[in-house]
Protein backbone atom coordinates (compact mmCIF):
# COMPACT_ATOMS: atom_id res chain seq x y z
CA MET A 1 116.28 83.71 124.33
CA HIS A 2 117.67 83.09 121.12
CA ARG A 3 115.58 83.54 117.63
CA PHE A 4 115.42 81.76 114.46
CA PHE A 5 112.70 81.36 111.83
CA ILE A 6 111.45 77.83 110.66
CA ASP A 7 109.79 77.19 107.56
CA GLN A 8 107.04 74.76 109.27
CA SER A 9 104.60 75.13 111.93
CA THR A 10 104.30 72.31 114.50
CA GLU A 11 103.02 71.59 117.19
CA VAL A 12 103.91 70.93 121.48
CA ASP A 13 106.19 67.79 122.17
CA LYS A 14 106.98 67.71 118.44
CA ASN A 15 110.55 67.62 117.15
CA VAL A 16 112.38 70.10 114.54
CA ILE A 17 115.68 70.31 112.46
CA ILE A 18 117.45 73.23 112.32
CA SER A 19 120.22 72.85 110.13
CA GLY A 20 122.52 75.26 107.52
CA ASN A 21 123.73 78.51 108.98
CA ASP A 22 121.38 78.62 111.50
CA TYR A 23 122.49 75.60 112.94
CA ASN A 24 126.59 76.77 112.34
CA HIS A 25 125.21 79.78 114.16
CA LEU A 26 123.54 77.93 117.03
CA LYS A 27 126.53 76.13 117.70
CA ASN A 28 129.43 77.51 116.72
CA SER A 29 129.06 81.16 116.96
CA LEU A 30 126.14 81.14 119.75
CA ARG A 31 127.78 77.74 121.40
CA LEU A 32 124.69 76.53 123.07
CA ASN A 33 124.25 73.04 124.29
CA ILE A 34 121.89 70.03 124.89
CA GLY A 35 119.50 71.81 127.40
CA ASP A 36 119.58 75.29 126.45
CA ARG A 37 116.21 77.02 124.99
CA VAL A 38 115.61 78.96 122.00
CA ILE A 39 112.41 80.93 120.83
CA LEU A 40 111.10 79.26 116.88
CA SER A 41 108.85 81.33 114.46
CA ASP A 42 107.26 79.51 112.08
CA GLY A 43 106.70 82.66 110.06
CA ASN A 44 102.68 83.00 110.57
CA GLY A 45 102.88 84.84 113.93
CA PHE A 46 103.31 81.65 116.38
CA ASP A 47 106.29 81.65 118.51
CA MET A 48 107.29 78.23 120.39
CA GLU A 49 109.56 77.70 122.99
CA ALA A 50 111.90 74.42 121.91
CA GLU A 51 114.63 72.78 124.14
CA ILE A 52 117.79 71.31 122.28
CA ILE A 53 118.23 67.59 122.82
CA ASN A 54 120.63 66.48 119.85
CA PHE A 55 123.38 67.34 117.55
CA SER A 56 124.16 65.30 114.74
CA ASP A 57 125.94 65.99 111.21
CA GLN A 58 122.16 66.92 109.79
CA GLY A 59 121.74 69.67 112.69
CA ALA A 60 120.23 70.30 115.62
CA GLU A 61 117.37 68.63 117.13
CA LEU A 62 114.60 70.36 119.10
CA LYS A 63 111.86 69.76 120.97
CA ILE A 64 108.94 72.18 121.29
CA ILE A 65 107.94 72.61 124.59
CA SER A 66 105.19 75.53 124.31
CA ARG A 67 103.62 77.32 120.85
CA GLU A 68 101.53 80.26 121.33
CA LYS A 69 100.41 83.37 119.17
CA SER A 70 103.12 86.30 119.04
CA LYS A 71 101.55 89.18 120.69
CA VAL A 72 104.53 91.17 119.42
CA GLU A 73 103.31 91.69 115.62
CA ALA A 74 101.10 94.91 115.01
CA GLY A 75 97.29 94.20 113.40
CA ILE A 76 97.68 96.99 110.95
CA LYS A 77 99.66 95.78 108.09
CA ILE A 78 102.28 98.91 106.17
CA TRP A 79 104.45 98.72 103.53
CA LEU A 80 106.83 100.86 102.38
CA ALA A 81 107.24 101.22 98.48
CA GLN A 82 110.36 102.81 98.92
CA GLY A 83 112.33 104.93 95.68
CA LEU A 84 115.85 103.24 95.65
CA PRO A 85 118.61 105.51 97.36
CA LYS A 86 122.26 106.00 97.02
CA LYS A 87 124.88 103.59 98.67
CA SER A 88 123.51 101.23 101.54
CA LYS A 89 120.91 103.37 102.28
CA MET A 90 118.16 101.00 101.79
CA ASP A 91 119.57 98.56 104.32
CA LEU A 92 119.49 101.28 107.05
CA ILE A 93 115.30 101.65 105.60
CA VAL A 94 115.13 97.89 105.69
CA GLU A 95 116.35 97.33 108.68
CA LYS A 96 114.71 99.91 110.94
CA ALA A 97 111.46 99.86 109.12
CA THR A 98 111.66 95.87 110.60
CA GLU A 99 112.53 96.73 114.31
CA ILE A 100 109.42 99.70 114.21
CA GLY A 101 107.10 97.11 112.57
CA PHE A 102 106.48 97.08 108.92
CA ALA A 103 104.99 94.38 107.23
CA GLY A 104 107.36 94.62 103.85
CA LEU A 105 109.37 96.39 101.08
CA ILE A 106 108.86 96.96 97.67
CA PRO A 107 111.74 98.35 95.95
CA LEU A 108 110.75 101.30 93.57
CA GLU A 109 112.17 102.47 90.51
CA SER A 110 111.41 106.11 89.47
CA LYS A 111 112.11 109.37 87.20
CA ARG A 112 114.37 110.89 89.41
CA THR A 113 116.31 107.05 90.77
CA ILE A 114 119.82 107.73 90.43
CA VAL A 115 120.96 104.15 91.33
CA LYS A 116 120.27 101.68 88.33
CA TYR A 117 120.68 98.06 88.47
CA ASN A 118 120.48 95.55 86.16
CA HIS A 119 118.44 92.20 86.40
CA LYS A 120 121.59 90.32 88.18
CA LYS A 121 122.26 93.33 90.65
CA LYS A 122 118.63 93.25 91.32
CA ASN A 123 118.51 90.06 92.81
CA LYS A 124 121.49 90.35 94.55
CA LYS A 125 120.12 93.23 96.68
CA LYS A 126 116.93 91.50 96.91
CA ASN A 127 118.85 88.78 98.47
CA ARG A 128 120.54 91.07 100.84
CA TRP A 129 117.63 93.17 101.94
CA GLN A 130 115.83 89.69 102.66
CA ARG A 131 118.43 88.89 105.22
CA VAL A 132 118.79 92.44 106.49
CA ALA A 133 115.16 92.23 107.29
CA GLU A 134 115.58 88.61 108.89
CA ALA A 135 118.45 89.53 111.58
CA ALA A 136 116.78 92.34 112.30
CA ALA A 137 113.46 90.52 113.09
CA LYS A 138 115.74 88.26 115.19
CA GLN A 139 116.62 90.87 116.95
CA SER A 140 113.65 92.79 117.74
CA GLY A 141 111.84 89.69 118.52
CA ARG A 142 109.55 89.88 115.71
CA ALA A 143 107.55 86.32 114.85
CA VAL A 144 107.49 87.64 111.35
CA VAL A 145 110.21 88.17 108.64
CA PRO A 146 109.01 91.32 106.51
CA GLU A 147 108.76 90.06 102.48
CA ILE A 148 110.98 92.16 100.27
CA LYS A 149 109.27 92.15 96.47
CA ASP A 150 110.81 92.07 93.11
CA PHE A 151 111.80 95.62 92.13
CA TYR A 152 108.61 98.10 90.46
CA SER A 153 108.75 100.89 88.22
CA ALA A 154 106.47 103.95 88.93
CA ASP A 155 104.56 102.29 86.26
CA SER A 156 103.81 98.86 87.41
CA LEU A 157 102.78 99.90 90.87
CA LYS A 158 99.53 100.37 89.63
CA ASN A 159 98.83 96.66 89.60
CA LEU A 160 99.63 96.39 93.32
CA LYS A 161 96.32 98.74 93.93
CA GLU A 162 93.97 95.84 94.89
CA GLU A 163 96.05 94.56 97.64
CA PHE A 164 96.07 98.03 99.96
CA ASP A 165 93.14 99.30 101.69
CA TYR A 166 94.83 102.61 101.29
CA VAL A 167 97.65 104.06 99.40
CA LEU A 168 99.28 107.40 100.87
CA LEU A 169 102.64 109.12 98.96
CA LEU A 170 104.35 111.29 100.71
CA TRP A 171 105.35 114.15 98.47
CA GLU A 172 107.18 117.25 100.16
CA ASP A 173 105.01 119.78 97.52
CA GLU A 174 101.91 119.09 100.06
CA LYS A 175 101.75 121.14 102.68
CA GLU A 176 98.25 121.04 104.70
CA TYR A 177 97.15 116.99 103.86
CA SER A 178 98.61 115.25 107.30
CA ILE A 179 98.52 111.32 108.88
CA LYS A 180 96.32 113.10 111.79
CA ASP A 181 93.80 114.36 108.78
CA PHE A 182 93.86 111.33 107.25
CA PHE A 183 92.94 108.98 110.56
CA LYS A 184 90.36 111.64 111.16
CA GLU A 185 88.61 111.04 107.57
CA ASN A 186 88.80 107.39 107.71
CA ASN A 187 87.54 104.75 110.25
CA VAL A 188 90.81 102.48 109.45
CA ALA A 189 89.92 99.22 110.70
CA ALA A 190 92.60 97.89 113.04
CA GLU A 191 94.41 95.04 110.56
CA ALA A 192 93.94 97.66 107.52
CA SER A 193 96.61 97.27 105.00
CA ILE A 194 98.37 100.09 103.99
CA LEU A 195 101.22 101.09 101.04
CA LEU A 196 103.33 104.18 101.57
CA VAL A 197 105.25 105.90 98.51
CA ILE A 198 107.95 107.21 98.95
CA GLY A 199 110.46 109.12 96.68
CA PRO A 200 114.35 108.58 96.27
CA GLU A 201 116.70 111.49 97.02
CA GLY A 202 115.25 113.75 94.17
CA GLY A 203 111.97 113.07 95.17
CA PHE A 204 109.13 112.62 92.71
CA SER A 205 107.83 114.53 89.87
CA GLU A 206 104.60 116.56 90.04
CA ALA A 207 103.40 114.23 86.88
CA GLU A 208 104.18 111.17 89.10
CA ALA A 209 102.60 112.60 92.05
CA ASN A 210 99.53 112.98 89.98
CA LYS A 211 99.78 109.20 88.14
CA PHE A 212 100.12 107.97 91.38
CA LYS A 213 96.77 110.12 92.97
CA ASP A 214 94.89 108.46 89.77
CA GLU A 215 96.06 105.10 89.48
CA LEU A 216 96.19 104.17 92.84
CA GLU A 217 94.14 106.12 94.35
CA ALA A 218 96.70 107.76 96.69
CA ARG A 219 96.00 110.58 99.37
CA ILE A 220 98.95 112.67 99.37
CA ILE A 221 100.69 113.43 102.47
CA THR A 222 103.17 115.96 104.49
CA LEU A 223 105.16 115.08 107.00
CA GLY A 224 105.26 119.04 108.15
CA PRO A 225 107.32 121.97 107.27
CA ARG A 226 110.56 119.97 107.11
CA ILE A 227 111.86 118.63 103.99
CA LEU A 228 113.60 114.95 105.39
CA ARG A 229 115.62 112.42 103.57
CA THR A 230 114.46 109.69 101.82
CA GLU A 231 115.71 107.29 104.51
CA THR A 232 114.08 109.12 106.97
CA ALA A 233 110.92 109.96 105.57
CA GLY A 234 109.29 106.51 105.28
CA ILE A 235 110.49 105.17 108.71
CA THR A 236 108.63 108.44 109.95
CA ALA A 237 105.56 107.64 108.48
CA LEU A 238 105.18 103.99 109.72
CA THR A 239 106.09 105.30 113.26
CA ALA A 240 103.71 107.66 112.90
CA ILE A 241 100.46 105.32 111.50
CA LEU A 242 101.10 102.70 114.21
CA TYR A 243 101.45 104.98 117.17
CA GLU A 244 97.86 106.93 115.52
CA LYS A 245 96.96 103.14 115.89
CA GLY A 246 98.22 102.18 118.98
CA GLU A 247 101.18 99.42 118.35
CA LEU A 248 103.66 101.55 120.09
CA GLY A 249 102.41 101.06 123.44
CA ASP A 250 99.27 102.48 125.50
């Protein structure tokens, strides 16, 4: 069943209106008709099955048939503070991380970041990545669209410290301490929040790694003996954490 996100939560037997781009997609691209059913997600973890009952100039009117808490969303909330990669790699990161189950993205500017964006370009990129996240959430049956936050620098990332239970820094110079070691040492709650910090193509300098360790109390993590590309590292760590918490099936 096709999925749409709405900015309201409603009850069974109530009606909602889908308008704008979603209405155009529903009616003209998908060619859905009166009587067809779709899934509506309110962005807060609830899915609603709804039936199309009317079309008008304002949009499509749908009646809510059923409403239940989604069983798709992971209990543990994992965010990526991703060093800005070149070209369209961030699109890939957002798309795949959304499919796997991350909570959101913090675009990160650091010393070795190659790409530089002005304020206008940052807003444009943020909006683009949010659209990528929404499309991937629809495709993968998510009940929540991951949030794309504003750009942060290596210096300002410390302002987010209190928002997370744990901060994990992926660094190629760490050779021993792994994600498995982290879970052995910590009784990580099922609904904990974790920030994964990933460097750009050039990685983090030793000074930056030490800054994150001091200011964010970050645990420095290795993903093994092979050096991963920036667009691979975060997705790999995200998958490993969700596996450790039993979020990828029994």
